[in-house]
Amino acid sequence: MLEQNNIKITNKKPRLTQFQRGELQGYLNAGITNKSELARKLKVSRGTIYNELARGTTTQVKKINGKHIYTTQYLAETGQAVTDRNVARSRKPLKFGRVKAFLAFVDELLLDRTRTLSPDAIVGLAKLKGLFFSG
């Protein structure tokens, strides 16, 4: 039985939702730039606001009368795209592709009706014969 004292419960919200990003963009477009006020309105920490502004602020170029005009602004879509890319890159790749040969070896021995080997015995056999590199 698990003891309640050993379980760490956190109420952290590590990222803004897409809706919150839209709200943030709306507040910024309305002229509210105070980070503390934005944090209170979105019910997140001020650090989250700073991180999100760094993540979603982009520079756009407009050509007016042959001149390039640069504008820097926060865009919710940019913040969401950067977050999605970072989350996708932070996950470990699946291991199945690297261990296909071993899994085929295990399947063959488990399905062999003439032998009755446990999965632990199959791993021991593979290690004993040095069939697969572990690393």
N, C-alpha and C. Protein backbone atom coordinates (compact mmCIF):
# COMPACT_ATOMS: atom_id res chain seq x y z
N MET A 1 0.84 -1.18 0.00
CA MET A 1 0.00 0.00 0.00
C MET A 1 0.88 1.24 0.00
N LEU A 2 0.53 2.21 -0.82
CA LEU A 2 1.30 3.44 -0.92
C LEU A 2 0.97 4.37 0.23
N GLU A 3 1.99 5.00 0.73
CA GLU A 3 1.79 5.99 1.78
C GLU A 3 1.61 7.35 1.14
N GLN A 4 0.65 8.12 1.60
CA GLN A 4 0.38 9.43 1.05
C GLN A 4 1.53 10.40 1.25
N ASN A 5 2.33 10.21 2.30
CA ASN A 5 3.42 11.14 2.57
C ASN A 5 4.55 11.04 1.55
N ASN A 6 4.67 9.91 0.88
CA ASN A 6 5.77 9.71 -0.06
C ASN A 6 5.43 10.15 -1.48
N ILE A 7 4.21 10.54 -1.73
CA ILE A 7 3.80 10.93 -3.06
C ILE A 7 3.86 12.45 -3.17
N LYS A 8 4.62 12.91 -4.15
CA LYS A 8 4.77 14.35 -4.35
C LYS A 8 3.68 14.81 -5.32
N ILE A 9 2.83 15.69 -4.87
CA ILE A 9 1.75 16.21 -5.69
C ILE A 9 2.06 17.66 -6.00
N THR A 10 2.07 17.98 -7.29
CA THR A 10 2.32 19.36 -7.69
C THR A 10 1.16 19.86 -8.53
N ASN A 11 0.93 21.13 -8.45
CA ASN A 11 -0.11 21.76 -9.25
C ASN A 11 0.52 22.63 -10.34
N LYS A 12 1.70 22.24 -10.79
CA LYS A 12 2.40 23.05 -11.79
C LYS A 12 1.71 22.94 -13.13
N LYS A 13 1.64 24.06 -13.80
CA LYS A 13 1.18 24.09 -15.18
C LYS A 13 2.39 24.52 -16.00
N PRO A 14 3.08 23.59 -16.62
CA PRO A 14 4.35 23.94 -17.23
C PRO A 14 4.23 24.83 -18.47
N ARG A 15 3.11 24.79 -19.15
CA ARG A 15 2.96 25.58 -20.38
C ARG A 15 1.60 26.25 -20.41
N LEU A 16 1.54 27.32 -21.18
CA LEU A 16 0.25 27.96 -21.42
C LEU A 16 -0.55 27.12 -22.41
N THR A 17 -1.85 27.18 -22.29
CA THR A 17 -2.70 26.53 -23.28
C THR A 17 -2.82 27.44 -24.49
N GLN A 18 -3.35 26.90 -25.57
CA GLN A 18 -3.51 27.70 -26.78
C GLN A 18 -4.49 28.86 -26.52
N PHE A 19 -5.51 28.61 -25.72
CA PHE A 19 -6.47 29.66 -25.38
C PHE A 19 -5.79 30.77 -24.59
N GLN A 20 -4.94 30.40 -23.61
CA GLN A 20 -4.23 31.40 -22.82
C GLN A 20 -3.28 32.22 -23.68
N ARG A 21 -2.66 31.58 -24.66
CA ARG A 21 -1.79 32.32 -25.58
C ARG A 21 -2.60 33.35 -26.36
N GLY A 22 -3.79 32.97 -26.79
CA GLY A 22 -4.67 33.92 -27.48
C GLY A 22 -5.06 35.08 -26.59
N GLU A 23 -5.36 34.77 -25.32
CA GLU A 23 -5.68 35.83 -24.36
C GLU A 23 -4.49 36.77 -24.18
N LEU A 24 -3.29 36.20 -24.07
CA LEU A 24 -2.08 37.00 -23.90
C LEU A 24 -1.89 37.93 -25.09
N GLN A 25 -2.08 37.42 -26.29
CA GLN A 25 -1.95 38.25 -27.48
C GLN A 25 -2.99 39.37 -27.47
N GLY A 26 -4.20 39.07 -27.04
CA GLY A 26 -5.25 40.08 -26.96
C GLY A 26 -4.92 41.16 -25.96
N TYR A 27 -4.41 40.78 -24.79
CA TYR A 27 -4.03 41.76 -23.78
C TYR A 27 -2.91 42.66 -24.29
N LEU A 28 -1.93 42.05 -24.96
CA LEU A 28 -0.81 42.84 -25.49
C LEU A 28 -1.29 43.80 -26.57
N ASN A 29 -2.20 43.34 -27.43
CA ASN A 29 -2.74 44.21 -28.47
C ASN A 29 -3.58 45.35 -27.88
N ALA A 30 -4.17 45.10 -26.70
CA ALA A 30 -4.96 46.13 -26.02
C ALA A 30 -4.08 47.13 -25.28
N GLY A 31 -2.77 46.87 -25.24
CA GLY A 31 -1.86 47.82 -24.61
C GLY A 31 -1.44 47.45 -23.20
N ILE A 32 -1.85 46.31 -22.70
CA ILE A 32 -1.43 45.89 -21.35
C ILE A 32 -0.07 45.21 -21.50
N THR A 33 0.98 45.86 -20.98
CA THR A 33 2.32 45.31 -21.14
C THR A 33 2.98 44.97 -19.80
N ASN A 34 2.34 45.31 -18.70
CA ASN A 34 2.88 45.01 -17.38
C ASN A 34 2.85 43.49 -17.17
N LYS A 35 4.04 42.90 -16.99
CA LYS A 35 4.14 41.43 -16.89
C LYS A 35 3.41 40.88 -15.67
N SER A 36 3.46 41.61 -14.57
CA SER A 36 2.77 41.15 -13.36
C SER A 36 1.26 41.15 -13.56
N GLU A 37 0.76 42.18 -14.21
CA GLU A 37 -0.69 42.25 -14.47
C GLU A 37 -1.12 41.15 -15.43
N LEU A 38 -0.31 40.90 -16.47
CA LEU A 38 -0.62 39.82 -17.40
C LEU A 38 -0.63 38.47 -16.68
N ALA A 39 0.33 38.28 -15.78
CA ALA A 39 0.41 37.02 -15.04
C ALA A 39 -0.83 36.83 -14.15
N ARG A 40 -1.28 37.90 -13.51
CA ARG A 40 -2.48 37.81 -12.66
C ARG A 40 -3.71 37.49 -13.50
N LYS A 41 -3.83 38.13 -14.65
CA LYS A 41 -5.00 37.90 -15.50
C LYS A 41 -5.05 36.47 -16.04
N LEU A 42 -3.88 35.91 -16.35
CA LEU A 42 -3.83 34.55 -16.90
C LEU A 42 -3.67 33.48 -15.83
N LYS A 43 -3.48 33.93 -14.57
CA LYS A 43 -3.32 33.02 -13.43
C LYS A 43 -2.12 32.09 -13.59
N VAL A 44 -0.99 32.69 -14.00
CA VAL A 44 0.28 31.96 -14.12
C VAL A 44 1.36 32.81 -13.47
N SER A 45 2.55 32.25 -13.36
CA SER A 45 3.64 33.02 -12.75
C SER A 45 4.18 34.04 -13.75
N ARG A 46 4.84 35.03 -13.21
CA ARG A 46 5.41 36.07 -14.05
C ARG A 46 6.51 35.51 -14.95
N GLY A 47 7.25 34.52 -14.44
CA GLY A 47 8.28 33.87 -15.24
C GLY A 47 7.72 33.18 -16.47
N THR A 48 6.53 32.61 -16.32
CA THR A 48 5.88 31.98 -17.46
C THR A 48 5.58 33.01 -18.54
N ILE A 49 5.19 34.20 -18.13
CA ILE A 49 4.90 35.27 -19.10
C ILE A 49 6.18 35.67 -19.83
N TYR A 50 7.27 35.84 -19.08
CA TYR A 50 8.55 36.20 -19.70
C TYR A 50 8.97 35.11 -20.71
N ASN A 51 8.87 33.84 -20.29
CA ASN A 51 9.26 32.74 -21.18
C ASN A 51 8.39 32.70 -22.42
N GLU A 52 7.10 32.89 -22.24
CA GLU A 52 6.18 32.82 -23.38
C GLU A 52 6.40 33.99 -24.34
N LEU A 53 6.69 35.16 -23.81
CA LEU A 53 6.97 36.30 -24.68
C LEU A 53 8.26 36.07 -25.48
N ALA A 54 9.26 35.47 -24.85
CA ALA A 54 10.49 35.16 -25.58
C ALA A 54 10.24 34.10 -26.65
N ARG A 55 9.38 33.16 -26.34
CA ARG A 55 9.07 32.07 -27.26
C ARG A 55 8.23 32.53 -28.44
N GLY A 56 7.29 33.42 -28.22
CA GLY A 56 6.32 33.76 -29.26
C GLY A 56 6.51 35.10 -29.94
N THR A 57 7.52 35.86 -29.53
CA THR A 57 7.75 37.15 -30.16
C THR A 57 8.50 36.95 -31.47
N THR A 58 7.99 37.59 -32.51
CA THR A 58 8.58 37.43 -33.84
C THR A 58 8.70 38.78 -34.52
N THR A 59 9.63 38.86 -35.44
CA THR A 59 9.82 40.08 -36.23
C THR A 59 9.25 39.85 -37.62
N GLN A 60 8.38 40.73 -38.04
CA GLN A 60 7.78 40.63 -39.36
C GLN A 60 8.26 41.80 -40.22
N VAL A 61 8.35 41.53 -41.52
CA VAL A 61 8.81 42.54 -42.47
C VAL A 61 7.67 42.89 -43.40
N LYS A 62 7.39 44.20 -43.52
CA LYS A 62 6.39 44.68 -44.48
C LYS A 62 7.09 45.62 -45.44
N LYS A 63 6.74 45.51 -46.71
CA LYS A 63 7.33 46.39 -47.71
C LYS A 63 6.31 47.47 -48.05
N ILE A 64 6.62 48.70 -47.65
CA ILE A 64 5.74 49.83 -47.88
C ILE A 64 6.52 50.89 -48.68
N ASN A 65 6.01 51.23 -49.85
CA ASN A 65 6.64 52.22 -50.74
C ASN A 65 8.11 51.86 -51.03
N GLY A 66 8.39 50.58 -51.20
CA GLY A 66 9.74 50.15 -51.52
C GLY A 66 10.67 50.07 -50.32
N LYS A 67 10.19 50.38 -49.13
CA LYS A 67 11.02 50.31 -47.93
C LYS A 67 10.57 49.13 -47.08
N HIS A 68 11.53 48.50 -46.44
CA HIS A 68 11.22 47.40 -45.53
C HIS A 68 10.95 47.97 -44.14
N ILE A 69 9.78 47.69 -43.61
CA ILE A 69 9.40 48.12 -42.27
C ILE A 69 9.37 46.88 -41.38
N TYR A 70 10.17 46.89 -40.32
CA TYR A 70 10.24 45.75 -39.40
C TYR A 70 9.38 46.03 -38.18
N THR A 71 8.53 45.08 -37.83
CA THR A 71 7.71 45.18 -36.62
C THR A 71 7.91 43.93 -35.79
N THR A 72 8.05 44.12 -34.51
CA THR A 72 8.22 43.00 -33.58
C THR A 72 6.97 42.92 -32.72
N GLN A 73 6.36 41.73 -32.68
CA GLN A 73 5.15 41.55 -31.88
C GLN A 73 5.02 40.10 -31.45
N TYR A 74 4.21 39.90 -30.41
CA TYR A 74 3.93 38.56 -29.94
C TYR A 74 2.78 37.98 -30.76
N LEU A 75 2.95 36.75 -31.23
CA LEU A 75 1.90 36.03 -31.94
C LEU A 75 1.65 34.70 -31.25
N ALA A 76 0.40 34.46 -30.90
CA ALA A 76 0.04 33.23 -30.20
C ALA A 76 0.38 32.00 -31.04
N GLU A 77 0.18 32.08 -32.36
CA GLU A 77 0.46 30.93 -33.23
C GLU A 77 1.94 30.59 -33.22
N THR A 78 2.79 31.60 -33.19
CA THR A 78 4.24 31.36 -33.15
C THR A 78 4.63 30.70 -31.83
N GLY A 79 4.08 31.19 -30.73
CA GLY A 79 4.37 30.59 -29.43
C GLY A 79 3.94 29.14 -29.37
N GLN A 80 2.77 28.83 -29.92
CA GLN A 80 2.28 27.46 -29.93
C GLN A 80 3.16 26.58 -30.81
N ALA A 81 3.57 27.08 -31.97
CA ALA A 81 4.40 26.30 -32.89
C ALA A 81 5.77 26.00 -32.27
N VAL A 82 6.36 27.00 -31.62
CA VAL A 82 7.66 26.79 -30.98
C VAL A 82 7.54 25.79 -29.84
N THR A 83 6.48 25.90 -29.05
CA THR A 83 6.26 24.96 -27.95
C THR A 83 6.08 23.54 -28.48
N ASP A 84 5.26 23.38 -29.52
CA ASP A 84 5.05 22.04 -30.09
C ASP A 84 6.36 21.45 -30.60
N ARG A 85 7.17 22.26 -31.26
CA ARG A 85 8.46 21.77 -31.76
C ARG A 85 9.38 21.36 -30.61
N ASN A 86 9.44 22.18 -29.56
CA ASN A 86 10.30 21.87 -28.42
C ASN A 86 9.85 20.61 -27.69
N VAL A 87 8.54 20.43 -27.55
CA VAL A 87 8.02 19.23 -26.88
C VAL A 87 8.34 17.99 -27.69
N ALA A 88 8.19 18.09 -29.01
CA ALA A 88 8.48 16.93 -29.87
C ALA A 88 9.96 16.55 -29.80
N ARG A 89 10.83 17.54 -29.71
CA ARG A 89 12.27 17.25 -29.66
C ARG A 89 12.71 16.75 -28.29
N SER A 90 11.95 17.03 -27.24
CA SER A 90 12.38 16.67 -25.90
C SER A 90 12.10 15.21 -25.54
N ARG A 91 11.29 14.55 -26.31
CA ARG A 91 10.96 13.16 -25.99
C ARG A 91 12.02 12.21 -26.51
N LYS A 92 12.26 11.15 -25.75
CA LYS A 92 13.22 10.15 -26.18
C LYS A 92 12.65 9.36 -27.36
N PRO A 93 13.49 9.01 -28.32
CA PRO A 93 12.99 8.19 -29.43
C PRO A 93 12.69 6.77 -28.95
N LEU A 94 11.75 6.12 -29.61
CA LEU A 94 11.40 4.76 -29.23
C LEU A 94 12.54 3.80 -29.52
N LYS A 95 12.64 2.77 -28.71
CA LYS A 95 13.74 1.84 -28.80
C LYS A 95 13.45 0.66 -29.73
N PHE A 96 12.21 0.49 -30.16
CA PHE A 96 11.83 -0.70 -30.92
C PHE A 96 12.66 -0.88 -32.18
N GLY A 97 12.99 0.19 -32.87
CA GLY A 97 13.75 0.09 -34.11
C GLY A 97 15.13 -0.49 -33.89
N ARG A 98 15.72 -0.23 -32.73
CA ARG A 98 17.08 -0.71 -32.45
C ARG A 98 17.11 -2.14 -31.95
N VAL A 99 15.98 -2.66 -31.48
CA VAL A 99 15.99 -4.00 -30.89
C VAL A 99 15.12 -4.99 -31.67
N LYS A 100 14.87 -4.70 -32.94
CA LYS A 100 14.02 -5.59 -33.75
C LYS A 100 14.58 -7.00 -33.82
N ALA A 101 15.89 -7.14 -34.01
CA ALA A 101 16.50 -8.47 -34.12
C ALA A 101 16.32 -9.25 -32.83
N PHE A 102 16.51 -8.57 -31.69
CA PHE A 102 16.33 -9.26 -30.41
C PHE A 102 14.88 -9.67 -30.20
N LEU A 103 13.94 -8.80 -30.54
CA LEU A 103 12.53 -9.14 -30.38
C LEU A 103 12.13 -10.30 -31.28
N ALA A 104 12.69 -10.36 -32.49
CA ALA A 104 12.42 -11.49 -33.38
C ALA A 104 12.97 -12.78 -32.78
N PHE A 105 14.16 -12.71 -32.17
CA PHE A 105 14.78 -13.86 -31.51
C PHE A 105 13.90 -14.35 -30.36
N VAL A 106 13.40 -13.41 -29.55
CA VAL A 106 12.53 -13.77 -28.42
C VAL A 106 11.23 -14.39 -28.92
N ASP A 107 10.63 -13.80 -29.94
CA ASP A 107 9.39 -14.36 -30.50
C ASP A 107 9.59 -15.78 -30.99
N GLU A 108 10.69 -16.00 -31.68
CA GLU A 108 10.96 -17.34 -32.23
C GLU A 108 11.07 -18.38 -31.12
N LEU A 109 11.78 -18.03 -30.04
CA LEU A 109 11.95 -18.99 -28.95
C LEU A 109 10.68 -19.15 -28.12
N LEU A 110 9.91 -18.09 -27.96
CA LEU A 110 8.67 -18.20 -27.18
C LEU A 110 7.62 -19.02 -27.92
N LEU A 111 7.61 -18.92 -29.23
CA LEU A 111 6.62 -19.65 -30.02
C LEU A 111 7.05 -21.07 -30.36
N ASP A 112 8.29 -21.43 -30.07
CA ASP A 112 8.79 -22.78 -30.33
C ASP A 112 8.15 -23.75 -29.34
N ARG A 113 7.37 -24.70 -29.86
CA ARG A 113 6.65 -25.65 -28.99
C ARG A 113 7.56 -26.73 -28.44
N THR A 114 8.73 -26.95 -29.05
CA THR A 114 9.63 -28.00 -28.56
C THR A 114 10.39 -27.56 -27.32
N ARG A 115 10.51 -26.25 -27.10
CA ARG A 115 11.19 -25.72 -25.92
C ARG A 115 10.19 -24.93 -25.08
N THR A 116 10.42 -24.91 -23.83
CA THR A 116 9.61 -24.06 -22.94
C THR A 116 10.57 -23.18 -22.15
N LEU A 117 10.90 -22.05 -22.72
CA LEU A 117 11.81 -21.12 -22.07
C LEU A 117 11.04 -19.88 -21.60
N SER A 118 11.41 -19.44 -20.44
CA SER A 118 10.81 -18.21 -19.93
C SER A 118 11.51 -17.01 -20.58
N PRO A 119 10.90 -15.85 -20.55
CA PRO A 119 11.57 -14.66 -21.09
C PRO A 119 12.92 -14.39 -20.42
N ASP A 120 13.00 -14.65 -19.10
CA ASP A 120 14.25 -14.45 -18.39
C ASP A 120 15.32 -15.42 -18.88
N ALA A 121 14.93 -16.66 -19.15
CA ALA A 121 15.88 -17.65 -19.66
C ALA A 121 16.35 -17.28 -21.07
N ILE A 122 15.48 -16.70 -21.87
CA ILE A 122 15.85 -16.29 -23.22
C ILE A 122 16.87 -15.17 -23.18
N VAL A 123 16.67 -14.22 -22.29
CA VAL A 123 17.64 -13.12 -22.13
C VAL A 123 18.98 -13.69 -21.67
N GLY A 124 18.94 -14.62 -20.71
CA GLY A 124 20.18 -15.26 -20.23
C GLY A 124 20.89 -16.01 -21.35
N LEU A 125 20.14 -16.71 -22.19
CA LEU A 125 20.72 -17.44 -23.32
C LEU A 125 21.38 -16.48 -24.31
N ALA A 126 20.72 -15.35 -24.60
CA ALA A 126 21.28 -14.37 -25.52
C ALA A 126 22.57 -13.77 -24.96
N LYS A 127 22.59 -13.51 -23.66
CA LYS A 127 23.79 -12.96 -23.04
C LYS A 127 24.92 -13.99 -23.01
N LEU A 128 24.57 -15.25 -22.70
CA LEU A 128 25.56 -16.31 -22.63
C LEU A 128 26.25 -16.52 -23.97
N LYS A 129 25.48 -16.50 -25.03
CA LYS A 129 26.03 -16.69 -26.38
C LYS A 129 26.58 -15.40 -26.99
N GLY A 130 26.35 -14.27 -26.33
CA GLY A 130 26.83 -12.99 -26.86
C GLY A 130 26.19 -12.61 -28.17
N LEU A 131 24.90 -12.90 -28.31
CA LEU A 131 24.22 -12.67 -29.59
C LEU A 131 23.92 -11.20 -29.86
N PHE A 132 23.64 -10.45 -28.83
CA PHE A 132 23.22 -9.06 -29.02
C PHE A 132 24.04 -8.15 -28.13
N PHE A 133 24.35 -7.00 -28.66
CA PHE A 133 25.10 -6.01 -27.90
C PHE A 133 24.12 -5.24 -27.02
N SER A 134 24.43 -5.12 -25.75
CA SER A 134 23.58 -4.33 -24.85
C SER A 134 24.30 -3.02 -24.56
N GLY A 135 23.58 -1.95 -24.79
CA GLY A 135 24.25 -0.68 -24.53
C GLY A 135 23.46 0.49 -24.77
